[in-house]
Amino acid sequence: MVARAIANGLNKGDPEGAARDAAHAREWIADQLDKGRVFEPGKVRDGEKGAVAVVEPIHEEMFPGRVRAQRQPDRER
């Protein structure tokens, strides 16, 4: 669901592009799972305009060069 929401956001007005990106992301996820990787649950918010994914660093790997997660500033100790 997260990959689909991001793909839709990246390809507004292009359902074929969104479908391609979502399929690519599902393949990437399956490959990572086959390698033993474990993922945290995805975060998606439903709103009036549809599902909105919460972009995290993992999505930068899923959609390289197209998605950037907002970084939290380092806290001083």
PDB file of N, CA and C in Angstrom:
ATOM      1  N   MET A   1       0.826  -1.196   0.000  1.00  0.00           N
ATOM      2  CA  MET A   1       0.000   0.000   0.000  1.00  0.00           C
ATOM      3  C   MET A   1       0.874   1.265   0.000  1.00  0.00           C
ATOM      4  N   VAL A   2       1.971   1.235   0.758  1.00  0.00           N
ATOM      5  CA  VAL A   2       2.872   2.396   0.804  1.00  0.00           C
ATOM      6  C   VAL A   2       3.504   2.621  -0.564  1.00  0.00           C
ATOM      7  N   ALA A   3       4.004   1.543  -1.179  1.00  0.00           N
ATOM      8  CA  ALA A   3       4.635   1.671  -2.493  1.00  0.00           C
ATOM      9  C   ALA A   3       3.643   2.212  -3.514  1.00  0.00           C
ATOM     10  N   ARG A   4       2.400   1.752  -3.463  1.00  0.00           N
ATOM     11  CA  ARG A   4       1.376   2.227  -4.393  1.00  0.00           C
ATOM     12  C   ARG A   4       1.093   3.712  -4.172  1.00  0.00           C
ATOM     13  N   ALA A   5       1.001   4.132  -2.907  1.00  0.00           N
ATOM     14  CA  ALA A   5       0.736   5.546  -2.612  1.00  0.00           C
ATOM     15  C   ALA A   5       1.879   6.426  -3.112  1.00  0.00           C
ATOM     16  N   ILE A   6       3.113   5.999  -2.921  1.00  0.00           N
ATOM     17  CA  ILE A   6       4.259   6.776  -3.405  1.00  0.00           C
ATOM     18  C   ILE A   6       4.265   6.805  -4.932  1.00  0.00           C
ATOM     19  N   ALA A   7       4.029   5.642  -5.557  1.00  0.00           N
ATOM     20  CA  ALA A   7       4.010   5.573  -7.022  1.00  0.00           C
ATOM     21  C   ALA A   7       2.936   6.490  -7.589  1.00  0.00           C
ATOM     22  N   ASN A   8       1.773   6.526  -6.958  1.00  0.00           N
ATOM     23  CA  ASN A   8       0.714   7.426  -7.426  1.00  0.00           C
ATOM     24  C   ASN A   8       1.135   8.881  -7.287  1.00  0.00           C
ATOM     25  N   GLY A   9       1.803   9.217  -6.191  1.00  0.00           N
ATOM     26  CA  GLY A   9       2.270  10.587  -5.990  1.00  0.00           C
ATOM     27  C   GLY A   9       3.340  10.998  -6.977  1.00  0.00           C
ATOM     28  N   LEU A  10       4.193  10.065  -7.349  1.00  0.00           N
ATOM     29  CA  LEU A  10       5.264  10.363  -8.306  1.00  0.00           C
ATOM     30  C   LEU A  10       4.743  10.490  -9.733  1.00  0.00           C
ATOM     31  N   ASN A  11       3.600   9.891  -9.995  1.00  0.00           N
ATOM     32  CA  ASN A  11       3.079   9.822 -11.358  1.00  0.00           C
ATOM     33  C   ASN A  11       1.669  10.388 -11.462  1.00  0.00           C
ATOM     34  N   LYS A  12       1.465  11.550 -10.882  1.00  0.00           N
ATOM     35  CA  LYS A  12       0.132  12.163 -10.929  1.00  0.00           C
ATOM     36  C   LYS A  12      -0.311  12.333 -12.372  1.00  0.00           C
ATOM     37  N   GLY A  13      -1.514  11.862 -12.672  1.00  0.00           N
ATOM     38  CA  GLY A  13      -2.039  11.977 -14.022  1.00  0.00           C
ATOM     39  C   GLY A  13      -1.500  10.940 -14.992  1.00  0.00           C
ATOM     40  N   ASP A  14      -0.702   9.994 -14.498  1.00  0.00           N
ATOM     41  CA  ASP A  14      -0.130   8.950 -15.358  1.00  0.00           C
ATOM     42  C   ASP A  14      -0.350   7.591 -14.696  1.00  0.00           C
ATOM     43  N   PRO A  15      -1.558   7.024 -14.832  1.00  0.00           N
ATOM     44  CA  PRO A  15      -1.842   5.750 -14.170  1.00  0.00           C
ATOM     45  C   PRO A  15      -0.938   4.605 -14.621  1.00  0.00           C
ATOM     46  N   GLU A  16      -0.524   4.623 -15.882  1.00  0.00           N
ATOM     47  CA  GLU A  16       0.376   3.568 -16.361  1.00  0.00           C
ATOM     48  C   GLU A  16       1.738   3.681 -15.691  1.00  0.00           C
ATOM     49  N   GLY A  17       2.243   4.896 -15.547  1.00  0.00           N
ATOM     50  CA  GLY A  17       3.520   5.107 -14.856  1.00  0.00           C
ATOM     51  C   GLY A  17       3.424   4.706 -13.398  1.00  0.00           C
ATOM     52  N   ALA A  18       2.314   5.036 -12.757  1.00  0.00           N
ATOM     53  CA  ALA A  18       2.114   4.655 -11.357  1.00  0.00           C
ATOM     54  C   ALA A  18       2.088   3.141 -11.221  1.00  0.00           C
ATOM     55  N   ALA A  19       1.410   2.462 -12.129  1.00  0.00           N
ATOM     56  CA  ALA A  19       1.346   0.996 -12.089  1.00  0.00           C
ATOM     57  C   ALA A  19       2.726   0.386 -12.280  1.00  0.00           C
ATOM     58  N   ARG A  20       3.515   0.948 -13.210  1.00  0.00           N
ATOM     59  CA  ARG A  20       4.881   0.442 -13.430  1.00  0.00           C
ATOM     60  C   ARG A  20       5.736   0.628 -12.188  1.00  0.00           C
ATOM     61  N   ASP A  21       5.685   1.835 -11.588  1.00  0.00           N
ATOM     62  CA  ASP A  21       6.493   2.092 -10.391  1.00  0.00           C
ATOM     63  C   ASP A  21       6.059   1.209  -9.227  1.00  0.00           C
ATOM     64  N   ALA A  22       4.752   1.011  -9.057  1.00  0.00           N
ATOM     65  CA  ALA A  22       4.263   0.151  -7.972  1.00  0.00           C
ATOM     66  C   ALA A  22       4.711  -1.291  -8.187  1.00  0.00           C
ATOM     67  N   ALA A  23       4.648  -1.769  -9.426  1.00  0.00           N
ATOM     68  CA  ALA A  23       5.097  -3.134  -9.725  1.00  0.00           C
ATOM     69  C   ALA A  23       6.593  -3.280  -9.459  1.00  0.00           C
ATOM     70  N   HIS A  24       7.365  -2.265  -9.876  1.00  0.00           N
ATOM     71  CA  HIS A  24       8.817  -2.300  -9.628  1.00  0.00           C
ATOM     72  C   HIS A  24       9.099  -2.332  -8.122  1.00  0.00           C
ATOM     73  N   ALA A  25       8.366  -1.541  -7.357  1.00  0.00           N
ATOM     74  CA  ALA A  25       8.565  -1.507  -5.909  1.00  0.00           C
ATOM     75  C   ALA A  25       8.205  -2.850  -5.287  1.00  0.00           C
ATOM     76  N   ARG A  26       7.116  -3.468  -5.737  1.00  0.00           N
ATOM     77  CA  ARG A  26       6.750  -4.789  -5.201  1.00  0.00           C
ATOM     78  C   ARG A  26       7.834  -5.815  -5.496  1.00  0.00           C
ATOM     79  N   GLU A  27       8.409  -5.771  -6.701  1.00  0.00           N
ATOM     80  CA  GLU A  27       9.507  -6.690  -7.042  1.00  0.00           C
ATOM     81  C   GLU A  27      10.715  -6.426  -6.151  1.00  0.00           C
ATOM     82  N   TRP A  28      11.026  -5.162  -5.918  1.00  0.00           N
ATOM     83  CA  TRP A  28      12.158  -4.797  -5.060  1.00  0.00           C
ATOM     84  C   TRP A  28      11.921  -5.318  -3.645  1.00  0.00           C
ATOM     85  N   ILE A  29      10.707  -5.133  -3.129  1.00  0.00           N
ATOM     86  CA  ILE A  29      10.371  -5.601  -1.784  1.00  0.00           C
ATOM     87  C   ILE A  29      10.503  -7.117  -1.714  1.00  0.00           C
ATOM     88  N   ALA A  30       9.966  -7.828  -2.701  1.00  0.00           N
ATOM     89  CA  ALA A  30      10.053  -9.296  -2.713  1.00  0.00           C
ATOM     90  C   ALA A  30      11.503  -9.752  -2.722  1.00  0.00           C
ATOM     91  N   ASP A  31      12.342  -9.079  -3.519  1.00  0.00           N
ATOM     92  CA  ASP A  31      13.763  -9.427  -3.575  1.00  0.00           C
ATOM     93  C   ASP A  31      14.427  -9.216  -2.216  1.00  0.00           C
ATOM     94  N   GLN A  32      14.109  -8.102  -1.568  1.00  0.00           N
ATOM     95  CA  GLN A  32      14.679  -7.819  -0.252  1.00  0.00           C
ATOM     96  C   GLN A  32      14.226  -8.864   0.772  1.00  0.00           C
ATOM     97  N   LEU A  33      12.960  -9.262   0.726  1.00  0.00           N
ATOM     98  CA  LEU A  33      12.450 -10.284   1.640  1.00  0.00           C
ATOM     99  C   LEU A  33      13.137 -11.623   1.399  1.00  0.00           C
ATOM    100  N   ASP A  34      13.360 -11.956   0.115  1.00  0.00           N
ATOM    101  CA  ASP A  34      14.076 -13.194  -0.221  1.00  0.00           C
ATOM    102  C   ASP A  34      15.481 -13.199   0.359  1.00  0.00           C
ATOM    103  N   LYS A  35      16.077 -12.013   0.491  1.00  0.00           N
ATOM    104  CA  LYS A  35      17.420 -11.888   1.056  1.00  0.00           C
ATOM    105  C   LYS A  35      17.402 -11.862   2.580  1.00  0.00           C
ATOM    106  N   GLY A  36      16.209 -11.960   3.184  1.00  0.00           N
ATOM    107  CA  GLY A  36      16.103 -11.998   4.635  1.00  0.00           C
ATOM    108  C   GLY A  36      15.867 -10.664   5.310  1.00  0.00           C
ATOM    109  N   ARG A  37      15.655  -9.632   4.542  1.00  0.00           N
ATOM    110  CA  ARG A  37      15.431  -8.313   5.130  1.00  0.00           C
ATOM    111  C   ARG A  37      14.066  -8.260   5.817  1.00  0.00           C
ATOM    112  N   VAL A  38      13.994  -7.534   6.904  1.00  0.00           N
ATOM    113  CA  VAL A  38      12.745  -7.357   7.644  1.00  0.00           C
ATOM    114  C   VAL A  38      12.392  -5.876   7.596  1.00  0.00           C
ATOM    115  N   PHE A  39      11.127  -5.577   7.345  1.00  0.00           N
ATOM    116  CA  PHE A  39      10.663  -4.198   7.246  1.00  0.00           C
ATOM    117  C   PHE A  39       9.760  -3.853   8.409  1.00  0.00           C
ATOM    118  N   GLU A  40       9.810  -2.606   8.812  1.00  0.00           N
ATOM    119  CA  GLU A  40       8.845  -2.077   9.776  1.00  0.00           C
ATOM    120  C   GLU A  40       7.513  -1.911   9.043  1.00  0.00           C
ATOM    121  N   PRO A  41       6.407  -1.913   9.767  1.00  0.00           N
ATOM    122  CA  PRO A  41       5.121  -1.675   9.096  1.00  0.00           C
ATOM    123  C   PRO A  41       5.119  -0.321   8.389  1.00  0.00           C
ATOM    124  N   GLY A  42       4.519  -0.288   7.229  1.00  0.00           N
ATOM    125  CA  GLY A  42       4.422   0.952   6.463  1.00  0.00           C
ATOM    126  C   GLY A  42       3.445   1.919   7.101  1.00  0.00           C
ATOM    127  N   LYS A  43       3.650   3.181   6.834  1.00  0.00           N
ATOM    128  CA  LYS A  43       2.777   4.216   7.382  1.00  0.00           C
ATOM    129  C   LYS A  43       2.111   4.962   6.236  1.00  0.00           C
ATOM    130  N   VAL A  44       0.789   4.862   6.203  1.00  0.00           N
ATOM    131  CA  VAL A  44      -0.002   5.534   5.180  1.00  0.00           C
ATOM    132  C   VAL A  44      -1.160   6.223   5.879  1.00  0.00           C
ATOM    133  N   ARG A  45      -1.439   7.443   5.450  1.00  0.00           N
ATOM    134  CA  ARG A  45      -2.600   8.182   5.963  1.00  0.00           C
ATOM    135  C   ARG A  45      -3.621   8.293   4.847  1.00  0.00           C
ATOM    136  N   ASP A  46      -4.870   7.995   5.161  1.00  0.00           N
ATOM    137  CA  ASP A  46      -5.953   8.198   4.200  1.00  0.00           C
ATOM    138  C   ASP A  46      -6.530   9.581   4.410  1.00  0.00           C
ATOM    139  N   GLY A  47      -6.715  10.283   3.332  1.00  0.00           N
ATOM    140  CA  GLY A  47      -7.291  11.622   3.402  1.00  0.00           C
ATOM    141  C   GLY A  47      -8.333  11.798   2.318  1.00  0.00           C
ATOM    142  N   GLU A  48      -8.820  12.992   2.200  1.00  0.00           N
ATOM    143  CA  GLU A  48      -9.843  13.292   1.193  1.00  0.00           C
ATOM    144  C   GLU A  48      -9.341  13.055  -0.228  1.00  0.00           C
ATOM    145  N   LYS A  49      -8.045  13.231  -0.436  1.00  0.00           N
ATOM    146  CA  LYS A  49      -7.476  13.082  -1.774  1.00  0.00           C
ATOM    147  C   LYS A  49      -6.852  11.707  -1.990  1.00  0.00           C
ATOM    148  N   GLY A  50      -7.102  10.745  -1.084  1.00  0.00           N
ATOM    149  CA  GLY A  50      -6.560   9.401  -1.227  1.00  0.00           C
ATOM    150  C   GLY A  50      -5.468   9.123  -0.215  1.00  0.00           C
ATOM    151  N   ALA A  51      -4.812   7.986  -0.382  1.00  0.00           N
ATOM    152  CA  ALA A  51      -3.768   7.555   0.542  1.00  0.00           C
ATOM    153  C   ALA A  51      -2.500   8.365   0.336  1.00  0.00           C
ATOM    154  N   VAL A  52      -1.879   8.757   1.439  1.00  0.00           N
ATOM    155  CA  VAL A  52      -0.621   9.493   1.407  1.00  0.00           C
ATOM    156  C   VAL A  52       0.387   8.702   2.227  1.00  0.00           C
ATOM    157  N   ALA A  53       1.507   8.336   1.607  1.00  0.00           N
ATOM    158  CA  ALA A  53       2.532   7.572   2.300  1.00  0.00           C
ATOM    159  C   ALA A  53       3.415   8.491   3.117  1.00  0.00           C
ATOM    160  N   VAL A  54       3.846   8.011   4.258  1.00  0.00           N
ATOM    161  CA  VAL A  54       4.832   8.715   5.065  1.00  0.00           C
ATOM    162  C   VAL A  54       6.193   8.266   4.537  1.00  0.00           C
ATOM    163  N   VAL A  55       6.923   9.186   3.946  1.00  0.00           N
ATOM    164  CA  VAL A  55       8.180   8.843   3.288  1.00  0.00           C
ATOM    165  C   VAL A  55       9.291   8.708   4.322  1.00  0.00           C
ATOM    166  N   GLU A  56       9.948   7.571   4.296  1.00  0.00           N
ATOM    167  CA  GLU A  56      11.039   7.267   5.218  1.00  0.00           C
ATOM    168  C   GLU A  56      12.286   6.908   4.416  1.00  0.00           C
ATOM    169  N   PRO A  57      13.437   6.808   5.080  1.00  0.00           N
ATOM    170  CA  PRO A  57      14.673   6.495   4.350  1.00  0.00           C
ATOM    171  C   PRO A  57      14.593   5.231   3.497  1.00  0.00           C
ATOM    172  N   ILE A  58      13.825   4.230   3.920  1.00  0.00           N
ATOM    173  CA  ILE A  58      13.718   2.995   3.132  1.00  0.00           C
ATOM    174  C   ILE A  58      13.141   3.272   1.748  1.00  0.00           C
ATOM    175  N   HIS A  59      12.283   4.270   1.646  1.00  0.00           N
ATOM    176  CA  HIS A  59      11.674   4.573   0.359  1.00  0.00           C
ATOM    177  C   HIS A  59      12.671   5.178  -0.611  1.00  0.00           C
ATOM    178  N   GLU A  60      13.750   5.765  -0.073  1.00  0.00           N
ATOM    179  CA  GLU A  60      14.817   6.266  -0.949  1.00  0.00           C
ATOM    180  C   GLU A  60      15.476   5.098  -1.674  1.00  0.00           C
ATOM    181  N   GLU A  61      15.565   3.947  -1.000  1.00  0.00           N
ATOM    182  CA  GLU A  61      16.114   2.749  -1.645  1.00  0.00           C
ATOM    183  C   GLU A  61      15.120   2.175  -2.650  1.00  0.00           C
ATOM    184  N   MET A  62      13.850   2.213  -2.302  1.00  0.00           N
ATOM    185  CA  MET A  62      12.805   1.632  -3.134  1.00  0.00           C
ATOM    186  C   MET A  62      12.629   2.412  -4.434  1.00  0.00           C
ATOM    187  N   PHE A  63      12.740   3.738  -4.350  1.00  0.00           N
ATOM    188  CA  PHE A  63      12.578   4.618  -5.509  1.00  0.00           C
ATOM    189  C   PHE A  63      13.831   5.484  -5.617  1.00  0.00           C
ATOM    190  N   PRO A  64      14.977   4.891  -5.964  1.00  0.00           N
ATOM    191  CA  PRO A  64      16.237   5.638  -5.945  1.00  0.00           C
ATOM    192  C   PRO A  64      16.218   6.871  -6.847  1.00  0.00           C
ATOM    193  N   GLY A  65      16.688   7.976  -6.278  1.00  0.00           N
ATOM    194  CA  GLY A  65      16.790   9.218  -7.028  1.00  0.00           C
ATOM    195  C   GLY A  65      15.470   9.952  -7.239  1.00  0.00           C
ATOM    196  N   ARG A  66      14.365   9.380  -6.737  1.00  0.00           N
ATOM    197  CA  ARG A  66      13.062  10.005  -6.975  1.00  0.00           C
ATOM    198  C   ARG A  66      12.354  10.396  -5.695  1.00  0.00           C
ATOM    199  N   VAL A  67      12.768   9.819  -4.566  1.00  0.00           N
ATOM    200  CA  VAL A  67      12.105  10.081  -3.288  1.00  0.00           C
ATOM    201  C   VAL A  67      13.165  10.449  -2.266  1.00  0.00           C
ATOM    202  N   ARG A  68      12.884  11.482  -1.476  1.00  0.00           N
ATOM    203  CA  ARG A  68      13.795  11.879  -0.404  1.00  0.00           C
ATOM    204  C   ARG A  68      13.009  11.972   0.877  1.00  0.00           C
ATOM    205  N   ALA A  69      13.507  11.302   1.907  1.00  0.00           N
ATOM    206  CA  ALA A  69      12.870  11.362   3.221  1.00  0.00           C
ATOM    207  C   ALA A  69      13.346  12.600   3.953  1.00  0.00           C
ATOM    208  N   GLN A  70      12.454  13.176   4.723  1.00  0.00           N
ATOM    209  CA  GLN A  70      12.827  14.334   5.530  1.00  0.00           C
ATOM    210  C   GLN A  70      13.678  13.848   6.699  1.00  0.00           C
ATOM    211  N   ARG A  71      14.790  14.445   6.898  1.00  0.00           N
ATOM    212  CA  ARG A  71      15.700  14.042   7.968  1.00  0.00           C
ATOM    213  C   ARG A  71      15.397  14.816   9.236  1.00  0.00           C
ATOM    214  N   GLN A  72      15.473  14.124  10.353  1.00  0.00           N
ATOM    215  CA  GLN A  72      15.329  14.765  11.656  1.00  0.00           C
ATOM    216  C   GLN A  72      16.695  15.331  12.054  1.00  0.00           C
ATOM    217  N   PRO A  73      16.760  16.549  12.553  1.00  0.00           N
ATOM    218  CA  PRO A  73      18.055  17.088  12.969  1.00  0.00           C
ATOM    219  C   PRO A  73      18.607  16.283  14.143  1.00  0.00           C
ATOM    220  N   ASP A  74      19.909  16.124  14.160  1.00  0.00           N
ATOM    221  CA  ASP A  74      20.542  15.415  15.284  1.00  0.00           C
ATOM    222  C   ASP A  74      20.338  16.212  16.569  1.00  0.00           C
ATOM    223  N   ARG A  75      20.042  15.494  17.594  1.00  0.00           N
ATOM    224  CA  ARG A  75      19.866  16.156  18.893  1.00  0.00           C
ATOM    225  C   ARG A  75      21.185  16.180  19.637  1.00  0.00           C
ATOM    226  N   GLU A  76      21.461  17.303  20.273  1.00  0.00           N
ATOM    227  CA  GLU A  76      22.690  17.396  21.072  1.00  0.00           C
ATOM    228  C   GLU A  76      22.438  16.742  22.416  1.00  0.00           C
ATOM    229  N   ARG A  77      23.479  16.108  22.939  1.00  0.00           N
ATOM    230  CA  ARG A  77      23.348  15.446  24.234  1.00  0.00           C
ATOM    231  C   ARG A  77      23.966  16.271  25.310  1.00  0.00           C
TER     232      ARG A  77
END
